[in-house]
N, C-alpha and C. Protein backbone atom coordinates (compact mmCIF):
# COMPACT_ATOMS: atom_id res chain seq x y z
N MET A 1 31.12 4.67 -9.09
CA MET A 1 30.46 3.39 -9.35
C MET A 1 28.96 3.53 -9.12
N SER A 2 28.17 3.07 -10.08
CA SER A 2 26.72 3.13 -9.92
C SER A 2 26.27 2.17 -8.83
N HIS A 3 25.05 2.43 -8.33
CA HIS A 3 24.52 1.56 -7.28
C HIS A 3 24.38 0.12 -7.78
N GLN A 4 24.00 -0.03 -9.05
CA GLN A 4 23.83 -1.38 -9.60
C GLN A 4 25.17 -2.11 -9.67
N LYS A 5 26.23 -1.42 -10.09
CA LYS A 5 27.55 -2.05 -10.12
C LYS A 5 28.03 -2.39 -8.72
N LEU A 6 27.72 -1.51 -7.77
CA LEU A 6 28.08 -1.79 -6.38
C LEU A 6 27.35 -3.02 -5.87
N MET A 7 26.09 -3.16 -6.24
CA MET A 7 25.31 -4.34 -5.83
C MET A 7 25.96 -5.62 -6.35
N LEU A 8 26.40 -5.60 -7.61
CA LEU A 8 27.03 -6.79 -8.19
C LEU A 8 28.35 -7.10 -7.48
N ALA A 9 29.11 -6.07 -7.18
CA ALA A 9 30.37 -6.28 -6.47
C ALA A 9 30.13 -6.82 -5.07
N GLN A 10 29.10 -6.31 -4.41
CA GLN A 10 28.78 -6.78 -3.06
C GLN A 10 28.27 -8.22 -3.09
N ASN A 11 27.61 -8.59 -4.19
CA ASN A 11 27.17 -9.97 -4.33
C ASN A 11 28.36 -10.92 -4.39
N VAL A 12 29.37 -10.56 -5.14
CA VAL A 12 30.58 -11.39 -5.23
C VAL A 12 31.22 -11.53 -3.85
N ALA A 13 31.29 -10.42 -3.12
CA ALA A 13 31.87 -10.46 -1.78
C ALA A 13 31.04 -11.34 -0.85
N TRP A 14 29.72 -11.19 -0.94
CA TRP A 14 28.83 -12.00 -0.08
C TRP A 14 28.98 -13.48 -0.38
N ALA A 15 29.01 -13.86 -1.66
CA ALA A 15 29.14 -15.27 -2.04
C ALA A 15 30.46 -15.83 -1.53
N SER A 16 31.52 -15.05 -1.66
CA SER A 16 32.83 -15.51 -1.19
C SER A 16 32.86 -15.68 0.33
N GLU A 17 32.31 -14.69 1.04
CA GLU A 17 32.28 -14.77 2.50
C GLU A 17 31.41 -15.93 2.98
N THR A 18 30.30 -16.17 2.27
CA THR A 18 29.41 -17.27 2.65
C THR A 18 30.09 -18.61 2.46
N ARG A 19 30.81 -18.78 1.35
CA ARG A 19 31.53 -20.04 1.12
C ARG A 19 32.62 -20.26 2.16
N MET A 20 33.25 -19.18 2.60
CA MET A 20 34.29 -19.31 3.63
C MET A 20 33.68 -19.76 4.95
N ARG A 21 32.52 -19.21 5.30
CA ARG A 21 31.87 -19.59 6.55
C ARG A 21 31.28 -20.97 6.49
N ASP A 22 30.72 -21.32 5.34
CA ASP A 22 29.99 -22.59 5.18
C ASP A 22 30.22 -23.12 3.77
N PRO A 23 31.27 -23.94 3.59
CA PRO A 23 31.63 -24.40 2.24
C PRO A 23 30.52 -25.13 1.50
N ASP A 24 29.58 -25.74 2.23
CA ASP A 24 28.51 -26.52 1.60
C ASP A 24 27.21 -25.73 1.43
N PHE A 25 27.22 -24.43 1.78
CA PHE A 25 25.99 -23.66 1.80
C PHE A 25 25.27 -23.68 0.45
N PHE A 26 25.96 -23.32 -0.62
CA PHE A 26 25.30 -23.22 -1.92
C PHE A 26 24.91 -24.58 -2.47
N LYS A 27 25.71 -25.59 -2.19
CA LYS A 27 25.35 -26.95 -2.59
C LYS A 27 24.05 -27.37 -1.90
N ARG A 28 23.94 -27.00 -0.63
CA ARG A 28 22.77 -27.39 0.16
C ARG A 28 21.51 -26.69 -0.33
N ILE A 29 21.58 -25.39 -0.56
CA ILE A 29 20.35 -24.69 -0.97
C ILE A 29 19.98 -25.01 -2.42
N ALA A 30 20.97 -25.41 -3.22
CA ALA A 30 20.68 -25.76 -4.61
C ALA A 30 19.90 -27.07 -4.71
N GLU A 31 19.93 -27.85 -3.67
CA GLU A 31 19.22 -29.14 -3.67
C GLU A 31 17.72 -28.99 -3.46
N GLY A 32 17.27 -27.81 -3.03
CA GLY A 32 15.83 -27.58 -2.85
C GLY A 32 15.56 -26.74 -1.62
N GLN A 33 14.30 -26.37 -1.46
CA GLN A 33 13.90 -25.55 -0.31
C GLN A 33 12.85 -26.26 0.51
N GLN A 34 12.92 -26.09 1.80
CA GLN A 34 11.92 -26.65 2.72
C GLN A 34 11.57 -25.63 3.81
N PRO A 35 11.11 -24.44 3.41
CA PRO A 35 10.76 -23.44 4.42
C PRO A 35 9.51 -23.87 5.18
N ASP A 36 9.47 -23.51 6.44
CA ASP A 36 8.31 -23.83 7.28
C ASP A 36 7.32 -22.68 7.33
N THR A 37 7.72 -21.52 6.78
CA THR A 37 6.92 -20.31 6.95
C THR A 37 6.74 -19.56 5.64
N LEU A 38 5.51 -19.17 5.37
CA LEU A 38 5.21 -18.23 4.30
C LEU A 38 5.11 -16.85 4.91
N TRP A 39 5.87 -15.92 4.36
CA TRP A 39 5.92 -14.55 4.88
C TRP A 39 5.28 -13.62 3.84
N ILE A 40 4.19 -12.96 4.23
CA ILE A 40 3.50 -12.03 3.34
C ILE A 40 3.65 -10.64 3.93
N SER A 41 4.32 -9.75 3.19
CA SER A 41 4.58 -8.42 3.74
C SER A 41 4.54 -7.37 2.65
N CYS A 42 4.79 -6.13 3.07
CA CYS A 42 4.77 -5.00 2.15
C CYS A 42 6.02 -5.00 1.28
N ALA A 43 5.90 -4.45 0.08
CA ALA A 43 7.03 -4.34 -0.83
C ALA A 43 7.99 -3.22 -0.44
N ASP A 44 7.68 -2.48 0.59
CA ASP A 44 8.51 -1.36 1.03
C ASP A 44 9.96 -1.81 1.21
N SER A 45 10.88 -1.03 0.65
CA SER A 45 12.30 -1.40 0.67
C SER A 45 12.91 -1.39 2.06
N ARG A 46 12.20 -0.82 3.02
CA ARG A 46 12.73 -0.73 4.39
C ARG A 46 12.34 -1.92 5.26
N VAL A 47 11.63 -2.89 4.66
CA VAL A 47 11.15 -4.03 5.46
C VAL A 47 11.59 -5.35 4.82
N PRO A 48 12.90 -5.62 4.79
CA PRO A 48 13.40 -6.88 4.20
C PRO A 48 13.17 -8.05 5.15
N ALA A 49 12.43 -9.04 4.71
CA ALA A 49 11.99 -10.12 5.59
C ALA A 49 13.14 -10.83 6.29
N GLU A 50 14.12 -11.30 5.49
CA GLU A 50 15.20 -12.09 6.09
C GLU A 50 16.03 -11.26 7.07
N LYS A 51 16.24 -9.99 6.73
CA LYS A 51 17.10 -9.17 7.58
C LYS A 51 16.44 -8.86 8.91
N ILE A 52 15.17 -8.45 8.91
CA ILE A 52 14.55 -8.04 10.18
C ILE A 52 14.23 -9.23 11.08
N THR A 53 14.20 -10.43 10.53
CA THR A 53 13.98 -11.63 11.34
C THR A 53 15.25 -12.43 11.54
N HIS A 54 16.35 -11.96 10.97
CA HIS A 54 17.63 -12.64 11.07
C HIS A 54 17.52 -14.07 10.56
N SER A 55 16.78 -14.26 9.48
CA SER A 55 16.58 -15.58 8.90
C SER A 55 17.63 -15.85 7.82
N SER A 56 17.90 -17.11 7.59
CA SER A 56 18.86 -17.52 6.56
C SER A 56 18.14 -17.86 5.28
N SER A 57 18.89 -17.95 4.19
CA SER A 57 18.32 -18.38 2.91
C SER A 57 17.67 -19.74 3.08
N GLY A 58 16.44 -19.88 2.53
CA GLY A 58 15.74 -21.15 2.61
C GLY A 58 14.77 -21.27 3.77
N GLU A 59 14.77 -20.29 4.68
CA GLU A 59 13.91 -20.39 5.86
C GLU A 59 12.54 -19.74 5.66
N LEU A 60 12.45 -18.78 4.74
CA LEU A 60 11.19 -18.09 4.51
C LEU A 60 10.82 -18.17 3.03
N PHE A 61 9.55 -18.46 2.76
CA PHE A 61 8.99 -18.34 1.42
C PHE A 61 8.25 -17.01 1.41
N VAL A 62 8.65 -16.08 0.55
CA VAL A 62 8.25 -14.67 0.70
C VAL A 62 7.38 -14.19 -0.45
N HIS A 63 6.30 -13.50 -0.07
CA HIS A 63 5.49 -12.75 -1.04
C HIS A 63 5.35 -11.34 -0.53
N ARG A 64 5.64 -10.35 -1.39
CA ARG A 64 5.54 -8.95 -0.98
C ARG A 64 4.75 -8.17 -2.02
N ASN A 65 3.90 -7.30 -1.56
CA ASN A 65 3.20 -6.36 -2.45
C ASN A 65 2.90 -5.10 -1.66
N ILE A 66 2.39 -4.08 -2.34
CA ILE A 66 2.08 -2.82 -1.66
C ILE A 66 1.03 -3.05 -0.58
N ALA A 67 1.41 -2.75 0.66
CA ALA A 67 0.51 -2.81 1.83
C ALA A 67 0.10 -4.24 2.20
N ASN A 68 0.91 -5.22 1.84
CA ASN A 68 0.69 -6.62 2.25
C ASN A 68 -0.78 -7.06 2.16
N LEU A 69 -1.33 -6.92 0.96
CA LEU A 69 -2.75 -7.23 0.74
C LEU A 69 -2.94 -8.60 0.12
N ILE A 70 -4.06 -9.23 0.47
CA ILE A 70 -4.43 -10.53 -0.09
C ILE A 70 -5.85 -10.40 -0.65
N ALA A 71 -6.02 -10.76 -1.90
CA ALA A 71 -7.34 -10.70 -2.52
C ALA A 71 -7.54 -11.94 -3.38
N ALA A 72 -8.75 -12.47 -3.38
CA ALA A 72 -9.03 -13.69 -4.12
C ALA A 72 -8.77 -13.54 -5.61
N GLU A 73 -8.90 -12.30 -6.12
CA GLU A 73 -8.69 -12.07 -7.55
C GLU A 73 -7.22 -11.82 -7.90
N ASP A 74 -6.36 -11.74 -6.90
CA ASP A 74 -4.93 -11.51 -7.13
C ASP A 74 -4.26 -12.85 -7.36
N ILE A 75 -4.10 -13.24 -8.62
CA ILE A 75 -3.58 -14.57 -8.95
C ILE A 75 -2.14 -14.74 -8.48
N ASN A 76 -1.40 -13.65 -8.40
CA ASN A 76 -0.03 -13.73 -7.92
C ASN A 76 0.00 -14.14 -6.45
N ALA A 77 -0.72 -13.40 -5.61
CA ALA A 77 -0.76 -13.71 -4.18
C ALA A 77 -1.35 -15.09 -3.92
N ILE A 78 -2.46 -15.39 -4.59
CA ILE A 78 -3.11 -16.69 -4.38
C ILE A 78 -2.21 -17.83 -4.87
N GLY A 79 -1.50 -17.61 -5.96
CA GLY A 79 -0.58 -18.63 -6.46
C GLY A 79 0.54 -18.91 -5.47
N VAL A 80 1.07 -17.86 -4.86
CA VAL A 80 2.12 -18.04 -3.85
C VAL A 80 1.59 -18.84 -2.66
N ILE A 81 0.40 -18.47 -2.19
CA ILE A 81 -0.20 -19.18 -1.06
C ILE A 81 -0.45 -20.64 -1.42
N GLU A 82 -0.99 -20.87 -2.61
CA GLU A 82 -1.26 -22.24 -3.06
C GLU A 82 0.02 -23.07 -3.09
N TYR A 83 1.08 -22.51 -3.65
CA TYR A 83 2.35 -23.25 -3.74
C TYR A 83 2.92 -23.51 -2.34
N ALA A 84 2.84 -22.49 -1.48
CA ALA A 84 3.37 -22.63 -0.13
C ALA A 84 2.64 -23.73 0.65
N VAL A 85 1.32 -23.77 0.49
CA VAL A 85 0.51 -24.73 1.26
C VAL A 85 0.55 -26.13 0.65
N LYS A 86 0.35 -26.21 -0.67
CA LYS A 86 0.18 -27.52 -1.30
C LYS A 86 1.49 -28.19 -1.69
N VAL A 87 2.50 -27.41 -2.01
CA VAL A 87 3.77 -28.00 -2.44
C VAL A 87 4.81 -27.96 -1.32
N LEU A 88 5.03 -26.78 -0.75
CA LEU A 88 6.02 -26.67 0.32
C LEU A 88 5.48 -27.13 1.66
N LYS A 89 4.16 -27.14 1.79
CA LYS A 89 3.49 -27.59 3.01
C LYS A 89 3.96 -26.82 4.24
N VAL A 90 3.94 -25.50 4.12
CA VAL A 90 4.34 -24.67 5.26
C VAL A 90 3.36 -24.84 6.41
N SER A 91 3.86 -24.70 7.62
CA SER A 91 3.03 -24.83 8.82
C SER A 91 2.61 -23.48 9.38
N HIS A 92 3.25 -22.41 8.90
CA HIS A 92 2.96 -21.09 9.42
C HIS A 92 2.85 -20.08 8.28
N ILE A 93 1.88 -19.18 8.39
CA ILE A 93 1.77 -18.05 7.47
C ILE A 93 1.78 -16.77 8.31
N ILE A 94 2.72 -15.90 8.03
CA ILE A 94 2.84 -14.63 8.75
C ILE A 94 2.46 -13.50 7.81
N VAL A 95 1.51 -12.68 8.22
CA VAL A 95 1.24 -11.42 7.52
C VAL A 95 1.91 -10.34 8.35
N CYS A 96 2.85 -9.62 7.74
CA CYS A 96 3.59 -8.59 8.46
C CYS A 96 3.39 -7.24 7.79
N GLY A 97 2.70 -6.36 8.47
CA GLY A 97 2.57 -4.99 8.01
C GLY A 97 3.65 -4.13 8.63
N HIS A 98 3.59 -2.84 8.41
CA HIS A 98 4.55 -1.95 9.07
C HIS A 98 3.93 -0.57 9.25
N TYR A 99 4.40 0.10 10.28
CA TYR A 99 3.95 1.47 10.52
C TYR A 99 4.55 2.40 9.46
N GLN A 100 3.91 3.55 9.27
CA GLN A 100 4.33 4.52 8.25
C GLN A 100 4.31 3.90 6.85
N CYS A 101 3.30 3.08 6.60
CA CYS A 101 3.17 2.39 5.31
C CYS A 101 2.62 3.35 4.25
N GLY A 102 3.36 3.51 3.17
CA GLY A 102 2.94 4.41 2.10
C GLY A 102 1.64 3.99 1.45
N GLY A 103 1.44 2.68 1.27
CA GLY A 103 0.20 2.20 0.68
C GLY A 103 -1.00 2.51 1.55
N VAL A 104 -0.83 2.33 2.86
CA VAL A 104 -1.90 2.65 3.79
C VAL A 104 -2.21 4.14 3.76
N MET A 105 -1.17 4.96 3.80
CA MET A 105 -1.38 6.41 3.78
C MET A 105 -2.04 6.87 2.48
N ALA A 106 -1.66 6.23 1.36
CA ALA A 106 -2.27 6.58 0.08
C ALA A 106 -3.76 6.26 0.07
N SER A 107 -4.14 5.20 0.77
CA SER A 107 -5.55 4.81 0.80
C SER A 107 -6.41 5.79 1.59
N MET A 108 -5.77 6.66 2.37
CA MET A 108 -6.51 7.64 3.17
C MET A 108 -6.63 8.98 2.45
N ARG A 109 -6.05 9.04 1.24
CA ARG A 109 -6.15 10.27 0.43
C ARG A 109 -6.97 9.98 -0.82
N PRO A 110 -7.44 11.01 -1.52
CA PRO A 110 -8.14 10.78 -2.78
C PRO A 110 -7.25 10.03 -3.77
N PRO A 111 -7.81 9.18 -4.61
CA PRO A 111 -7.01 8.42 -5.58
C PRO A 111 -6.17 9.33 -6.46
N ASN A 112 -4.93 8.91 -6.68
CA ASN A 112 -4.01 9.63 -7.56
C ASN A 112 -4.19 9.11 -8.99
N PRO A 113 -4.62 9.95 -9.92
CA PRO A 113 -4.88 9.48 -11.29
C PRO A 113 -3.63 8.98 -12.02
N ASP A 114 -2.45 9.31 -11.51
CA ASP A 114 -1.22 8.87 -12.16
C ASP A 114 -0.86 7.43 -11.84
N ILE A 115 -1.52 6.82 -10.85
CA ILE A 115 -1.18 5.44 -10.47
C ILE A 115 -2.46 4.60 -10.40
N PRO A 116 -3.13 4.38 -11.53
CA PRO A 116 -4.40 3.66 -11.51
C PRO A 116 -4.30 2.23 -11.01
N ALA A 117 -3.20 1.53 -11.32
CA ALA A 117 -3.05 0.14 -10.85
C ALA A 117 -2.92 0.10 -9.33
N VAL A 118 -2.19 1.06 -8.78
CA VAL A 118 -2.06 1.13 -7.33
C VAL A 118 -3.42 1.44 -6.70
N ASN A 119 -4.16 2.37 -7.31
CA ASN A 119 -5.49 2.69 -6.80
C ASN A 119 -6.38 1.46 -6.73
N GLN A 120 -6.33 0.66 -7.78
CA GLN A 120 -7.13 -0.56 -7.80
C GLN A 120 -6.67 -1.53 -6.73
N HIS A 121 -5.35 -1.63 -6.56
CA HIS A 121 -4.80 -2.56 -5.57
C HIS A 121 -5.21 -2.21 -4.15
N ILE A 122 -5.19 -0.91 -3.82
CA ILE A 122 -5.48 -0.51 -2.44
C ILE A 122 -6.95 -0.17 -2.20
N ALA A 123 -7.80 -0.50 -3.16
CA ALA A 123 -9.23 -0.22 -2.99
C ALA A 123 -9.78 -0.91 -1.75
N GLN A 124 -9.30 -2.13 -1.47
CA GLN A 124 -9.82 -2.82 -0.28
C GLN A 124 -9.39 -2.12 1.00
N LEU A 125 -8.25 -1.43 0.96
CA LEU A 125 -7.83 -0.64 2.12
C LEU A 125 -8.77 0.54 2.34
N ARG A 126 -9.22 1.15 1.26
CA ARG A 126 -10.17 2.26 1.38
C ARG A 126 -11.47 1.76 2.01
N ARG A 127 -11.90 0.56 1.60
CA ARG A 127 -13.13 0.00 2.17
C ARG A 127 -12.93 -0.33 3.66
N LEU A 128 -11.74 -0.81 4.00
CA LEU A 128 -11.44 -1.11 5.40
C LEU A 128 -11.47 0.16 6.24
N ALA A 129 -10.88 1.23 5.72
CA ALA A 129 -10.89 2.51 6.44
C ALA A 129 -12.32 3.02 6.64
N LEU A 130 -13.17 2.80 5.65
CA LEU A 130 -14.56 3.24 5.76
C LEU A 130 -15.29 2.46 6.85
N ARG A 131 -15.00 1.15 6.93
CA ARG A 131 -15.64 0.32 7.97
C ARG A 131 -15.23 0.75 9.38
N HIS A 132 -14.04 1.30 9.51
CA HIS A 132 -13.53 1.69 10.82
C HIS A 132 -13.41 3.21 10.96
N GLN A 133 -14.22 3.94 10.21
CA GLN A 133 -14.05 5.39 10.16
C GLN A 133 -14.25 6.05 11.52
N ASP A 134 -15.16 5.54 12.34
CA ASP A 134 -15.38 6.18 13.65
C ASP A 134 -14.16 6.02 14.55
N GLU A 135 -13.61 4.81 14.59
CA GLU A 135 -12.42 4.57 15.41
C GLU A 135 -11.24 5.40 14.92
N LEU A 136 -11.05 5.45 13.62
CA LEU A 136 -9.93 6.20 13.06
C LEU A 136 -10.09 7.69 13.28
N ALA A 137 -11.30 8.18 13.11
CA ALA A 137 -11.55 9.63 13.26
C ALA A 137 -11.30 10.10 14.69
N ALA A 138 -11.41 9.17 15.65
CA ALA A 138 -11.21 9.54 17.06
C ALA A 138 -9.74 9.76 17.40
N LEU A 139 -8.85 9.34 16.54
CA LEU A 139 -7.41 9.50 16.80
C LEU A 139 -6.99 10.92 16.40
N PRO A 140 -6.06 11.52 17.16
CA PRO A 140 -5.79 12.96 16.99
C PRO A 140 -4.96 13.36 15.78
N THR A 141 -4.19 12.43 15.18
CA THR A 141 -3.33 12.84 14.07
C THR A 141 -3.48 11.87 12.89
N VAL A 142 -3.12 12.37 11.72
CA VAL A 142 -3.13 11.53 10.52
C VAL A 142 -2.19 10.35 10.69
N GLU A 143 -1.03 10.59 11.30
CA GLU A 143 -0.04 9.53 11.48
C GLU A 143 -0.58 8.40 12.35
N LEU A 144 -1.25 8.75 13.43
CA LEU A 144 -1.83 7.73 14.31
C LEU A 144 -2.95 6.97 13.59
N ARG A 145 -3.74 7.70 12.80
CA ARG A 145 -4.81 7.03 12.05
C ARG A 145 -4.23 6.05 11.04
N ALA A 146 -3.16 6.45 10.36
CA ALA A 146 -2.53 5.57 9.37
C ALA A 146 -1.94 4.34 10.04
N ASP A 147 -1.29 4.53 11.19
CA ASP A 147 -0.69 3.38 11.87
C ASP A 147 -1.75 2.43 12.40
N ARG A 148 -2.86 2.98 12.87
CA ARG A 148 -3.95 2.10 13.33
C ARG A 148 -4.56 1.35 12.16
N LEU A 149 -4.70 2.04 11.02
CA LEU A 149 -5.23 1.36 9.84
C LEU A 149 -4.28 0.26 9.38
N ALA A 150 -2.97 0.48 9.52
CA ALA A 150 -2.00 -0.56 9.18
C ALA A 150 -2.19 -1.79 10.06
N GLU A 151 -2.48 -1.58 11.33
CA GLU A 151 -2.76 -2.70 12.24
C GLU A 151 -4.04 -3.42 11.84
N LEU A 152 -5.09 -2.65 11.59
CA LEU A 152 -6.36 -3.24 11.19
C LEU A 152 -6.22 -4.00 9.87
N ASN A 153 -5.37 -3.50 9.00
CA ASN A 153 -5.14 -4.16 7.72
C ASN A 153 -4.51 -5.53 7.91
N VAL A 154 -3.54 -5.64 8.81
CA VAL A 154 -2.94 -6.95 9.09
C VAL A 154 -4.01 -7.93 9.53
N LEU A 155 -4.85 -7.51 10.47
CA LEU A 155 -5.90 -8.39 10.97
C LEU A 155 -6.90 -8.74 9.87
N ASP A 156 -7.18 -7.79 8.98
CA ASP A 156 -8.10 -8.06 7.89
C ASP A 156 -7.53 -9.09 6.93
N GLN A 157 -6.22 -9.03 6.69
CA GLN A 157 -5.60 -10.02 5.80
C GLN A 157 -5.55 -11.41 6.45
N ILE A 158 -5.37 -11.45 7.76
CA ILE A 158 -5.44 -12.73 8.46
C ILE A 158 -6.85 -13.30 8.33
N ASP A 159 -7.84 -12.43 8.46
CA ASP A 159 -9.23 -12.88 8.30
C ASP A 159 -9.46 -13.43 6.90
N THR A 160 -8.92 -12.76 5.89
CA THR A 160 -9.03 -13.24 4.51
C THR A 160 -8.37 -14.60 4.36
N LEU A 161 -7.16 -14.73 4.90
CA LEU A 161 -6.44 -16.01 4.83
C LEU A 161 -7.25 -17.13 5.48
N SER A 162 -7.85 -16.83 6.62
CA SER A 162 -8.57 -17.86 7.37
C SER A 162 -9.79 -18.38 6.63
N GLN A 163 -10.23 -17.64 5.58
CA GLN A 163 -11.40 -18.07 4.82
C GLN A 163 -11.06 -18.62 3.44
N LEU A 164 -9.78 -18.62 3.08
CA LEU A 164 -9.39 -19.13 1.77
C LEU A 164 -9.51 -20.66 1.74
N PRO A 165 -10.16 -21.21 0.72
CA PRO A 165 -10.24 -22.68 0.60
C PRO A 165 -8.88 -23.34 0.63
N ILE A 166 -7.87 -22.71 0.03
CA ILE A 166 -6.52 -23.29 0.02
C ILE A 166 -6.05 -23.56 1.44
N VAL A 167 -6.34 -22.63 2.35
CA VAL A 167 -5.91 -22.76 3.74
C VAL A 167 -6.85 -23.69 4.51
N LEU A 168 -8.15 -23.49 4.34
CA LEU A 168 -9.13 -24.29 5.08
C LEU A 168 -9.06 -25.77 4.73
N GLN A 169 -8.75 -26.08 3.47
CA GLN A 169 -8.75 -27.47 3.01
C GLN A 169 -7.37 -28.11 3.02
N ALA A 170 -6.41 -27.44 3.63
CA ALA A 170 -5.05 -27.98 3.70
C ALA A 170 -5.06 -29.31 4.45
N GLN A 171 -4.20 -30.22 4.02
CA GLN A 171 -4.12 -31.54 4.63
C GLN A 171 -3.24 -31.56 5.87
N HIS A 172 -2.76 -30.41 6.28
CA HIS A 172 -1.93 -30.31 7.48
C HIS A 172 -2.30 -29.02 8.21
N SER A 173 -1.92 -28.93 9.48
CA SER A 173 -2.26 -27.77 10.29
C SER A 173 -1.43 -26.56 9.87
N ILE A 174 -2.10 -25.42 9.76
CA ILE A 174 -1.43 -24.17 9.42
C ILE A 174 -1.80 -23.12 10.47
N SER A 175 -0.80 -22.51 11.06
CA SER A 175 -1.04 -21.46 12.04
C SER A 175 -0.86 -20.10 11.37
N LEU A 176 -1.76 -19.19 11.69
CA LEU A 176 -1.73 -17.84 11.12
C LEU A 176 -1.21 -16.85 12.15
N HIS A 177 -0.36 -15.94 11.70
CA HIS A 177 0.27 -14.96 12.58
C HIS A 177 0.11 -13.56 11.96
N GLY A 178 -0.23 -12.58 12.77
CA GLY A 178 -0.29 -11.20 12.32
C GLY A 178 0.71 -10.35 13.09
N TRP A 179 1.68 -9.81 12.39
CA TRP A 179 2.73 -9.00 13.01
C TRP A 179 2.78 -7.62 12.35
N ILE A 180 3.41 -6.68 13.05
CA ILE A 180 3.66 -5.36 12.45
C ILE A 180 5.04 -4.87 12.86
N PHE A 181 5.72 -4.24 11.92
CA PHE A 181 7.11 -3.82 12.10
C PHE A 181 7.18 -2.32 12.32
N GLY A 182 7.98 -1.93 13.32
CA GLY A 182 8.16 -0.51 13.61
C GLY A 182 9.42 0.03 12.96
N LEU A 183 9.25 0.97 12.04
CA LEU A 183 10.42 1.57 11.40
C LEU A 183 11.25 2.38 12.38
N ASN A 184 10.63 2.91 13.41
CA ASN A 184 11.35 3.77 14.36
C ASN A 184 12.23 3.00 15.33
N ASP A 185 11.91 1.73 15.58
CA ASP A 185 12.72 0.98 16.54
C ASP A 185 13.17 -0.39 16.04
N GLY A 186 12.71 -0.78 14.83
CA GLY A 186 13.14 -2.05 14.27
C GLY A 186 12.52 -3.28 14.90
N LEU A 187 11.48 -3.10 15.70
CA LEU A 187 10.89 -4.22 16.42
C LEU A 187 9.59 -4.70 15.77
N LEU A 188 9.38 -6.00 15.87
CA LEU A 188 8.13 -6.62 15.44
C LEU A 188 7.18 -6.72 16.62
N ARG A 189 5.91 -6.43 16.38
CA ARG A 189 4.90 -6.54 17.42
C ARG A 189 3.83 -7.52 16.98
N VAL A 190 3.35 -8.32 17.91
CA VAL A 190 2.33 -9.34 17.61
C VAL A 190 0.95 -8.72 17.71
N LEU A 191 0.20 -8.78 16.62
CA LEU A 191 -1.19 -8.34 16.60
C LEU A 191 -2.13 -9.53 16.72
N TYR A 192 -1.73 -10.63 16.13
CA TYR A 192 -2.53 -11.86 16.18
C TYR A 192 -1.56 -13.03 16.34
N PRO A 193 -1.64 -13.75 17.47
CA PRO A 193 -0.67 -14.82 17.71
C PRO A 193 -0.97 -16.04 16.85
N GLY A 194 0.02 -16.86 16.64
CA GLY A 194 -0.15 -18.03 15.79
C GLY A 194 -1.25 -18.96 16.29
N LYS A 195 -2.29 -19.10 15.49
CA LYS A 195 -3.39 -20.00 15.83
C LYS A 195 -3.78 -20.78 14.59
N PRO A 196 -4.16 -22.05 14.76
CA PRO A 196 -4.65 -22.82 13.61
C PRO A 196 -5.78 -22.09 12.91
N ALA A 197 -5.77 -22.11 11.59
CA ALA A 197 -6.68 -21.29 10.79
C ALA A 197 -8.14 -21.53 11.10
N GLU A 198 -8.51 -22.75 11.50
CA GLU A 198 -9.92 -23.07 11.62
C GLU A 198 -10.48 -22.89 13.02
N THR A 199 -9.66 -22.45 14.00
CA THR A 199 -10.13 -22.51 15.38
C THR A 199 -10.47 -21.18 16.03
N GLU A 200 -10.06 -20.06 15.44
CA GLU A 200 -10.22 -18.79 16.15
C GLU A 200 -10.72 -17.68 15.23
N PRO A 201 -11.83 -17.01 15.61
CA PRO A 201 -12.22 -15.86 14.81
C PRO A 201 -11.16 -14.77 14.90
N VAL A 202 -10.96 -14.08 13.81
CA VAL A 202 -9.86 -13.12 13.74
C VAL A 202 -10.32 -11.71 14.03
N LYS A 203 -11.45 -11.29 13.47
CA LYS A 203 -11.85 -9.91 13.54
C LYS A 203 -11.97 -9.43 14.98
N GLY A 204 -11.40 -8.26 15.22
CA GLY A 204 -11.49 -7.66 16.53
C GLY A 204 -10.36 -8.08 17.46
N TYR A 205 -9.57 -9.08 17.07
CA TYR A 205 -8.49 -9.52 17.96
C TYR A 205 -7.34 -8.53 17.88
N MET A 206 -6.78 -8.20 19.00
CA MET A 206 -5.59 -7.34 19.02
C MET A 206 -4.81 -7.62 20.28
N GLN A 207 -3.53 -7.88 20.12
CA GLN A 207 -2.64 -8.01 21.27
C GLN A 207 -1.51 -7.03 21.09
N THR A 208 -1.26 -6.20 22.07
CA THR A 208 -0.18 -5.22 21.98
C THR A 208 0.77 -5.39 23.14
């Protein structure tokens, strides 16, 4: 059986098991969504938002891209944030990076001509690495430098969020959170605790 056929079979099993546990589950979620949290994370297949947070369907509004980046010119990311804030009226936005991030590691190497769209996407990561080159160079291994850049990237995206008009002009309070996920232990670590977008400077903040 191919992986795709197995996925379809597992979907049937999941739907059946879910109905047995909660007969009204699908009726309830079909009526609409009211998530309190927008989750922005990496597209990496090893970091599934609902699974690592043990969240149920309807609890997270999710946007994922390579290296969990936010840019004003990225209409996809900005559209998700706009919908989350203005329509769903989420109270929390979490940016979640992860260690051993392929996008972060790619940004530390010369651009690969075979992936021009990816190169364009991670250009801001290259600029971030340049801004922190002294700190990164002081670390003894490439792996440590990449993981530190992944942390700095989360904080940089929080800083970007805190300056977006969509967030600043929201008619309700929005708290920003910066987290990072460890592939080696499955744990989330707080880099920036939930704070209202307008009250706290982000750059340089780190809690470990």
